[in-house]
Amino acid sequence: MSILRPAGDFDRTYQQDMALLRRPWHYALLVLALLAAYTIPQWGSAYVISTANRIAYTIVAVQGLNVLTGYTGQISLGQAGFMLLGGYFSALLVIHAGLSFFIALPVAALATGLAGLLFGLPSLRVKGCA
């Protein structure tokens, strides 16, 4: 991991190398961040809540791109489009179908996955798998 640490601070085990929370203050910071995220609707203005939502879904999109390009080494050919499709579909389900957000989100994820499968089927033909 590319974390700036003092010289001579080495990991001695694989578990230390892969640990996300390395110091006790990391746990305290995580608890404070989660507490702030869960209570923001009570104390935040509409601007603060809107900005926090934009930051949150941008983090989700960037982490999806990080997994796709960073860990698997693949190129991104439509990751943003499928992110848009999932958001649009969940908004339609909440507004027009009257579903709860917590029900609409997995349904939208499933529908987006099916759309990705539909667009991905021609790629099976290229490799000779079908």
N, C-alpha and C. Protein backbone atom coordinates (compact mmCIF):
# COMPACT_ATOMS: atom_id res chain seq x y z
N MET A 1 0.84 -1.18 0.00
CA MET A 1 0.00 0.00 0.00
C MET A 1 0.89 1.24 0.00
N SER A 2 0.48 2.22 -0.75
CA SER A 2 1.29 3.43 -0.85
C SER A 2 0.85 4.45 0.20
N ILE A 3 1.18 4.17 1.42
CA ILE A 3 0.87 5.08 2.52
C ILE A 3 2.18 5.69 2.98
N LEU A 4 2.17 7.00 3.17
CA LEU A 4 3.38 7.66 3.64
C LEU A 4 3.58 7.31 5.11
N ARG A 5 4.67 6.63 5.41
CA ARG A 5 5.00 6.24 6.78
C ARG A 5 6.44 6.62 7.05
N PRO A 6 6.79 6.76 8.31
CA PRO A 6 8.18 7.11 8.63
C PRO A 6 9.15 6.03 8.17
N ALA A 7 10.38 6.43 7.90
CA ALA A 7 11.41 5.48 7.49
C ALA A 7 11.65 4.48 8.62
N GLY A 8 11.80 3.22 8.26
CA GLY A 8 12.05 2.17 9.23
C GLY A 8 10.80 1.53 9.78
N ASP A 9 9.62 2.00 9.36
CA ASP A 9 8.35 1.43 9.81
C ASP A 9 7.91 0.39 8.78
N PHE A 10 8.24 -0.88 9.06
CA PHE A 10 7.97 -1.95 8.11
C PHE A 10 6.90 -2.89 8.65
N ASP A 11 6.17 -3.50 7.74
CA ASP A 11 5.22 -4.54 8.12
C ASP A 11 5.96 -5.86 8.20
N ARG A 12 5.67 -6.61 9.24
CA ARG A 12 6.36 -7.88 9.44
C ARG A 12 5.52 -9.09 9.05
N THR A 13 4.21 -8.90 8.91
CA THR A 13 3.33 -10.00 8.51
C THR A 13 2.43 -9.53 7.38
N TYR A 14 1.81 -10.48 6.72
CA TYR A 14 0.87 -10.16 5.65
C TYR A 14 -0.35 -9.43 6.21
N GLN A 15 -0.80 -9.83 7.40
CA GLN A 15 -1.95 -9.19 8.02
C GLN A 15 -1.66 -7.71 8.31
N GLN A 16 -0.45 -7.40 8.74
CA GLN A 16 -0.09 -6.00 8.97
C GLN A 16 -0.07 -5.22 7.65
N ASP A 17 0.41 -5.85 6.62
CA ASP A 17 0.50 -5.18 5.33
C ASP A 17 -0.88 -4.89 4.76
N MET A 18 -1.83 -5.78 4.95
CA MET A 18 -3.16 -5.62 4.39
C MET A 18 -4.13 -4.90 5.31
N ALA A 19 -3.74 -4.54 6.50
CA ALA A 19 -4.64 -3.90 7.46
C ALA A 19 -5.03 -2.51 6.97
N LEU A 20 -6.32 -2.22 7.03
CA LEU A 20 -6.80 -0.89 6.68
C LEU A 20 -6.71 0.06 7.85
N LEU A 21 -6.98 -0.44 9.04
CA LEU A 21 -6.90 0.38 10.24
C LEU A 21 -5.66 -0.05 11.00
N ARG A 22 -4.65 0.79 10.98
CA ARG A 22 -3.35 0.42 11.53
C ARG A 22 -3.10 0.93 12.94
N ARG A 23 -3.67 2.04 13.30
CA ARG A 23 -3.41 2.66 14.60
C ARG A 23 -4.71 2.80 15.37
N PRO A 24 -4.65 2.93 16.69
CA PRO A 24 -5.89 3.08 17.48
C PRO A 24 -6.70 4.32 17.08
N TRP A 25 -6.04 5.40 16.69
CA TRP A 25 -6.80 6.59 16.32
C TRP A 25 -7.53 6.40 15.00
N HIS A 26 -7.14 5.42 14.19
CA HIS A 26 -7.88 5.12 12.97
C HIS A 26 -9.28 4.62 13.30
N TYR A 27 -9.39 3.79 14.35
CA TYR A 27 -10.69 3.29 14.78
C TYR A 27 -11.58 4.43 15.27
N ALA A 28 -10.99 5.36 16.05
CA ALA A 28 -11.76 6.49 16.55
C ALA A 28 -12.24 7.38 15.40
N LEU A 29 -11.38 7.60 14.41
CA LEU A 29 -11.75 8.40 13.26
C LEU A 29 -12.85 7.72 12.45
N LEU A 30 -12.79 6.41 12.31
CA LEU A 30 -13.83 5.67 11.60
C LEU A 30 -15.17 5.79 12.31
N VAL A 31 -15.18 5.65 13.63
CA VAL A 31 -16.42 5.77 14.39
C VAL A 31 -17.00 7.17 14.25
N LEU A 32 -16.16 8.20 14.33
CA LEU A 32 -16.64 9.58 14.18
C LEU A 32 -17.19 9.83 12.78
N ALA A 33 -16.54 9.30 11.76
CA ALA A 33 -17.02 9.49 10.39
C ALA A 33 -18.35 8.80 10.17
N LEU A 34 -18.50 7.56 10.69
CA LEU A 34 -19.77 6.87 10.55
C LEU A 34 -20.88 7.56 11.33
N LEU A 35 -20.56 8.06 12.51
CA LEU A 35 -21.53 8.79 13.31
C LEU A 35 -21.98 10.06 12.58
N ALA A 36 -21.04 10.77 11.99
CA ALA A 36 -21.38 11.97 11.23
C ALA A 36 -22.24 11.62 10.01
N ALA A 37 -21.92 10.52 9.34
CA ALA A 37 -22.68 10.14 8.15
C ALA A 37 -24.11 9.73 8.50
N TYR A 38 -24.29 9.04 9.62
CA TYR A 38 -25.64 8.61 10.00
C TYR A 38 -26.49 9.72 10.60
N THR A 39 -25.87 10.74 11.16
CA THR A 39 -26.65 11.81 11.79
C THR A 39 -26.73 13.07 10.94
N ILE A 40 -26.16 13.07 9.75
CA ILE A 40 -26.16 14.28 8.93
C ILE A 40 -27.58 14.76 8.58
N PRO A 41 -28.58 13.91 8.40
CA PRO A 41 -29.92 14.45 8.12
C PRO A 41 -30.50 15.26 9.29
N GLN A 42 -30.07 14.99 10.52
CA GLN A 42 -30.59 15.73 11.67
C GLN A 42 -29.96 17.11 11.80
N TRP A 43 -28.69 17.25 11.51
CA TRP A 43 -28.02 18.52 11.76
C TRP A 43 -27.60 19.26 10.50
N GLY A 44 -27.65 18.62 9.36
CA GLY A 44 -27.15 19.25 8.14
C GLY A 44 -28.23 20.02 7.40
N SER A 45 -27.81 21.06 6.72
CA SER A 45 -28.72 21.81 5.86
C SER A 45 -28.90 21.04 4.55
N ALA A 46 -29.78 21.52 3.70
CA ALA A 46 -30.01 20.86 2.41
C ALA A 46 -28.74 20.86 1.57
N TYR A 47 -27.98 21.93 1.64
CA TYR A 47 -26.73 22.01 0.89
C TYR A 47 -25.72 20.97 1.38
N VAL A 48 -25.58 20.84 2.69
CA VAL A 48 -24.62 19.89 3.26
C VAL A 48 -25.02 18.45 2.91
N ILE A 49 -26.31 18.15 3.00
CA ILE A 49 -26.78 16.80 2.68
C ILE A 49 -26.58 16.51 1.19
N SER A 50 -26.89 17.47 0.32
CA SER A 50 -26.70 17.29 -1.12
C SER A 50 -25.23 17.08 -1.46
N THR A 51 -24.37 17.87 -0.84
CA THR A 51 -22.93 17.72 -1.08
C THR A 51 -22.41 16.38 -0.58
N ALA A 52 -22.88 15.94 0.59
CA ALA A 52 -22.46 14.64 1.13
C ALA A 52 -22.93 13.51 0.22
N ASN A 53 -24.14 13.62 -0.33
CA ASN A 53 -24.62 12.59 -1.26
C ASN A 53 -23.77 12.54 -2.52
N ARG A 54 -23.41 13.71 -3.05
CA ARG A 54 -22.57 13.73 -4.26
C ARG A 54 -21.20 13.13 -3.98
N ILE A 55 -20.65 13.44 -2.83
CA ILE A 55 -19.36 12.86 -2.46
C ILE A 55 -19.47 11.35 -2.33
N ALA A 56 -20.56 10.88 -1.71
CA ALA A 56 -20.73 9.44 -1.49
C ALA A 56 -20.86 8.68 -2.81
N TYR A 57 -21.70 9.16 -3.73
CA TYR A 57 -21.83 8.38 -4.96
C TYR A 57 -20.62 8.54 -5.87
N THR A 58 -19.87 9.62 -5.74
CA THR A 58 -18.63 9.73 -6.48
C THR A 58 -17.60 8.73 -5.95
N ILE A 59 -17.56 8.55 -4.63
CA ILE A 59 -16.66 7.56 -4.03
C ILE A 59 -17.02 6.16 -4.51
N VAL A 60 -18.31 5.85 -4.58
CA VAL A 60 -18.74 4.53 -5.06
C VAL A 60 -18.29 4.33 -6.51
N ALA A 61 -18.49 5.34 -7.35
CA ALA A 61 -18.10 5.21 -8.76
C ALA A 61 -16.59 5.07 -8.92
N VAL A 62 -15.84 5.85 -8.16
CA VAL A 62 -14.37 5.80 -8.27
C VAL A 62 -13.84 4.47 -7.74
N GLN A 63 -14.42 3.95 -6.68
CA GLN A 63 -13.97 2.65 -6.17
C GLN A 63 -14.31 1.52 -7.14
N GLY A 64 -15.46 1.63 -7.81
CA GLY A 64 -15.77 0.66 -8.86
C GLY A 64 -14.76 0.71 -9.99
N LEU A 65 -14.38 1.91 -10.37
CA LEU A 65 -13.35 2.06 -11.41
C LEU A 65 -12.00 1.57 -10.91
N ASN A 66 -11.71 1.78 -9.65
CA ASN A 66 -10.45 1.30 -9.06
C ASN A 66 -10.39 -0.23 -9.10
N VAL A 67 -11.48 -0.89 -8.76
CA VAL A 67 -11.51 -2.35 -8.81
C VAL A 67 -11.34 -2.82 -10.26
N LEU A 68 -12.05 -2.17 -11.18
CA LEU A 68 -12.02 -2.59 -12.58
C LEU A 68 -10.64 -2.39 -13.19
N THR A 69 -10.07 -1.22 -13.05
CA THR A 69 -8.80 -0.95 -13.73
C THR A 69 -7.59 -1.29 -12.88
N GLY A 70 -7.69 -1.08 -11.57
CA GLY A 70 -6.53 -1.27 -10.71
C GLY A 70 -6.28 -2.72 -10.33
N TYR A 71 -7.32 -3.41 -9.89
CA TYR A 71 -7.13 -4.78 -9.40
C TYR A 71 -7.23 -5.83 -10.50
N THR A 72 -8.10 -5.60 -11.49
CA THR A 72 -8.26 -6.61 -12.53
C THR A 72 -7.46 -6.28 -13.79
N GLY A 73 -7.04 -5.02 -13.95
CA GLY A 73 -6.25 -4.64 -15.11
C GLY A 73 -7.05 -4.48 -16.38
N GLN A 74 -8.37 -4.42 -16.28
CA GLN A 74 -9.21 -4.26 -17.46
C GLN A 74 -9.40 -2.79 -17.78
N ILE A 75 -9.91 -2.51 -18.96
CA ILE A 75 -10.19 -1.13 -19.32
C ILE A 75 -11.66 -0.83 -19.04
N SER A 76 -11.96 0.43 -18.89
CA SER A 76 -13.33 0.85 -18.59
C SER A 76 -14.03 1.23 -19.88
N LEU A 77 -14.98 0.42 -20.29
CA LEU A 77 -15.75 0.71 -21.51
C LEU A 77 -17.23 0.81 -21.14
N GLY A 78 -17.58 1.81 -20.38
CA GLY A 78 -18.99 2.00 -20.07
C GLY A 78 -19.32 1.90 -18.60
N GLN A 79 -18.33 1.91 -17.73
CA GLN A 79 -18.60 1.81 -16.30
C GLN A 79 -19.46 2.98 -15.83
N ALA A 80 -19.19 4.18 -16.33
CA ALA A 80 -19.98 5.35 -15.95
C ALA A 80 -21.40 5.24 -16.49
N GLY A 81 -21.56 4.67 -17.67
CA GLY A 81 -22.89 4.49 -18.23
C GLY A 81 -23.74 3.54 -17.42
N PHE A 82 -23.14 2.46 -16.95
CA PHE A 82 -23.89 1.52 -16.12
C PHE A 82 -24.18 2.10 -14.74
N MET A 83 -23.29 2.93 -14.24
CA MET A 83 -23.55 3.65 -12.98
C MET A 83 -24.75 4.57 -13.17
N LEU A 84 -24.79 5.28 -14.29
CA LEU A 84 -25.91 6.16 -14.60
C LEU A 84 -27.20 5.37 -14.75
N LEU A 85 -27.15 4.25 -15.42
CA LEU A 85 -28.34 3.43 -15.63
C LEU A 85 -28.91 2.93 -14.30
N GLY A 86 -28.05 2.51 -13.39
CA GLY A 86 -28.51 2.06 -12.08
C GLY A 86 -29.14 3.18 -11.28
N GLY A 87 -28.54 4.36 -11.29
CA GLY A 87 -29.11 5.50 -10.57
C GLY A 87 -30.44 5.93 -11.16
N TYR A 88 -30.53 5.96 -12.47
CA TYR A 88 -31.76 6.36 -13.14
C TYR A 88 -32.87 5.35 -12.86
N PHE A 89 -32.54 4.08 -12.93
CA PHE A 89 -33.55 3.04 -12.70
C PHE A 89 -34.04 3.05 -11.25
N SER A 90 -33.14 3.26 -10.30
CA SER A 90 -33.57 3.33 -8.90
C SER A 90 -34.44 4.56 -8.65
N ALA A 91 -34.11 5.69 -9.30
CA ALA A 91 -34.94 6.88 -9.15
C ALA A 91 -36.33 6.66 -9.74
N LEU A 92 -36.42 5.99 -10.88
CA LEU A 92 -37.73 5.68 -11.46
C LEU A 92 -38.55 4.79 -10.55
N LEU A 93 -37.90 3.80 -9.94
CA LEU A 93 -38.62 2.90 -9.05
C LEU A 93 -39.13 3.61 -7.80
N VAL A 94 -38.35 4.53 -7.28
CA VAL A 94 -38.77 5.25 -6.07
C VAL A 94 -39.87 6.25 -6.39
N ILE A 95 -39.70 7.02 -7.47
CA ILE A 95 -40.64 8.10 -7.77
C ILE A 95 -41.93 7.58 -8.40
N HIS A 96 -41.82 6.76 -9.43
CA HIS A 96 -43.01 6.36 -10.17
C HIS A 96 -43.64 5.07 -9.67
N ALA A 97 -42.85 4.11 -9.22
CA ALA A 97 -43.41 2.86 -8.72
C ALA A 97 -43.74 2.93 -7.23
N GLY A 98 -43.23 3.94 -6.54
CA GLY A 98 -43.53 4.11 -5.13
C GLY A 98 -42.83 3.12 -4.21
N LEU A 99 -41.74 2.52 -4.69
CA LEU A 99 -41.02 1.56 -3.85
C LEU A 99 -40.13 2.29 -2.84
N SER A 100 -39.83 1.62 -1.77
CA SER A 100 -38.88 2.16 -0.80
C SER A 100 -37.49 2.17 -1.42
N PHE A 101 -36.66 3.11 -0.98
CA PHE A 101 -35.30 3.19 -1.49
C PHE A 101 -34.54 1.90 -1.24
N PHE A 102 -34.77 1.29 -0.08
CA PHE A 102 -34.03 0.08 0.29
C PHE A 102 -34.47 -1.13 -0.53
N ILE A 103 -35.63 -1.07 -1.12
CA ILE A 103 -36.06 -2.13 -2.04
C ILE A 103 -35.64 -1.79 -3.47
N ALA A 104 -35.73 -0.51 -3.82
CA ALA A 104 -35.41 -0.09 -5.18
C ALA A 104 -33.92 -0.24 -5.50
N LEU A 105 -33.06 -0.08 -4.50
CA LEU A 105 -31.62 -0.14 -4.77
C LEU A 105 -31.17 -1.52 -5.25
N PRO A 106 -31.53 -2.63 -4.55
CA PRO A 106 -31.10 -3.93 -5.09
C PRO A 106 -31.81 -4.30 -6.39
N VAL A 107 -33.05 -3.86 -6.57
CA VAL A 107 -33.75 -4.13 -7.83
C VAL A 107 -33.05 -3.40 -8.97
N ALA A 108 -32.65 -2.15 -8.73
CA ALA A 108 -31.93 -1.39 -9.75
C ALA A 108 -30.57 -2.02 -10.04
N ALA A 109 -29.90 -2.51 -9.01
CA ALA A 109 -28.61 -3.18 -9.22
C ALA A 109 -28.79 -4.43 -10.07
N LEU A 110 -29.83 -5.19 -9.80
CA LEU A 110 -30.12 -6.39 -10.58
C LEU A 110 -30.44 -6.03 -12.04
N ALA A 111 -31.25 -4.99 -12.24
CA ALA A 111 -31.60 -4.57 -13.59
C ALA A 111 -30.37 -4.07 -14.35
N THR A 112 -29.50 -3.34 -13.67
CA THR A 112 -28.28 -2.87 -14.30
C THR A 112 -27.36 -4.02 -14.64
N GLY A 113 -27.30 -5.02 -13.76
CA GLY A 113 -26.51 -6.21 -14.06
C GLY A 113 -27.03 -6.96 -15.27
N LEU A 114 -28.35 -7.03 -15.39
CA LEU A 114 -28.94 -7.68 -16.56
C LEU A 114 -28.66 -6.87 -17.84
N ALA A 115 -28.70 -5.55 -17.73
CA ALA A 115 -28.34 -4.72 -18.90
C ALA A 115 -26.88 -4.92 -19.27
N GLY A 116 -26.01 -5.02 -18.27
CA GLY A 116 -24.60 -5.28 -18.54
C GLY A 116 -24.39 -6.64 -19.18
N LEU A 117 -25.17 -7.62 -18.73
CA LEU A 117 -25.10 -8.95 -19.34
C LEU A 117 -25.56 -8.90 -20.79
N LEU A 118 -26.61 -8.14 -21.04
CA LEU A 118 -27.12 -8.01 -22.41
C LEU A 118 -26.08 -7.36 -23.32
N PHE A 119 -25.42 -6.31 -22.83
CA PHE A 119 -24.39 -5.66 -23.64
C PHE A 119 -23.11 -6.49 -23.71
N GLY A 120 -22.88 -7.35 -22.74
CA GLY A 120 -21.67 -8.16 -22.71
C GLY A 120 -21.76 -9.45 -23.51
N LEU A 121 -22.97 -9.88 -23.87
CA LEU A 121 -23.12 -11.13 -24.62
C LEU A 121 -22.36 -11.15 -25.94
N PRO A 122 -22.34 -10.07 -26.71
CA PRO A 122 -21.56 -10.12 -27.95
C PRO A 122 -20.06 -10.35 -27.72
N SER A 123 -19.55 -9.97 -26.58
CA SER A 123 -18.12 -10.17 -26.33
C SER A 123 -17.78 -11.65 -26.14
N LEU A 124 -18.74 -12.47 -25.79
CA LEU A 124 -18.50 -13.90 -25.69
C LEU A 124 -18.23 -14.49 -27.06
N ARG A 125 -18.86 -13.94 -28.06
CA ARG A 125 -18.69 -14.42 -29.42
C ARG A 125 -17.27 -14.12 -29.94
N VAL A 126 -16.68 -13.04 -29.49
CA VAL A 126 -15.35 -12.66 -29.95
C VAL A 126 -14.30 -13.67 -29.52
N LYS A 127 -14.42 -14.17 -28.32
CA LYS A 127 -13.43 -15.10 -27.80
C LYS A 127 -13.72 -16.56 -28.18
N GLY A 128 -14.87 -16.81 -28.75
CA GLY A 128 -15.23 -18.15 -29.13
C GLY A 128 -15.78 -18.99 -27.98
N CYS A 129 -16.31 -18.32 -26.95
CA CYS A 129 -16.83 -19.04 -25.77
C CYS A 129 -18.26 -19.50 -25.99
N ALA A 130 -18.98 -18.87 -26.89
CA ALA A 130 -20.40 -19.20 -27.05
C ALA A 130 -20.62 -20.22 -28.14
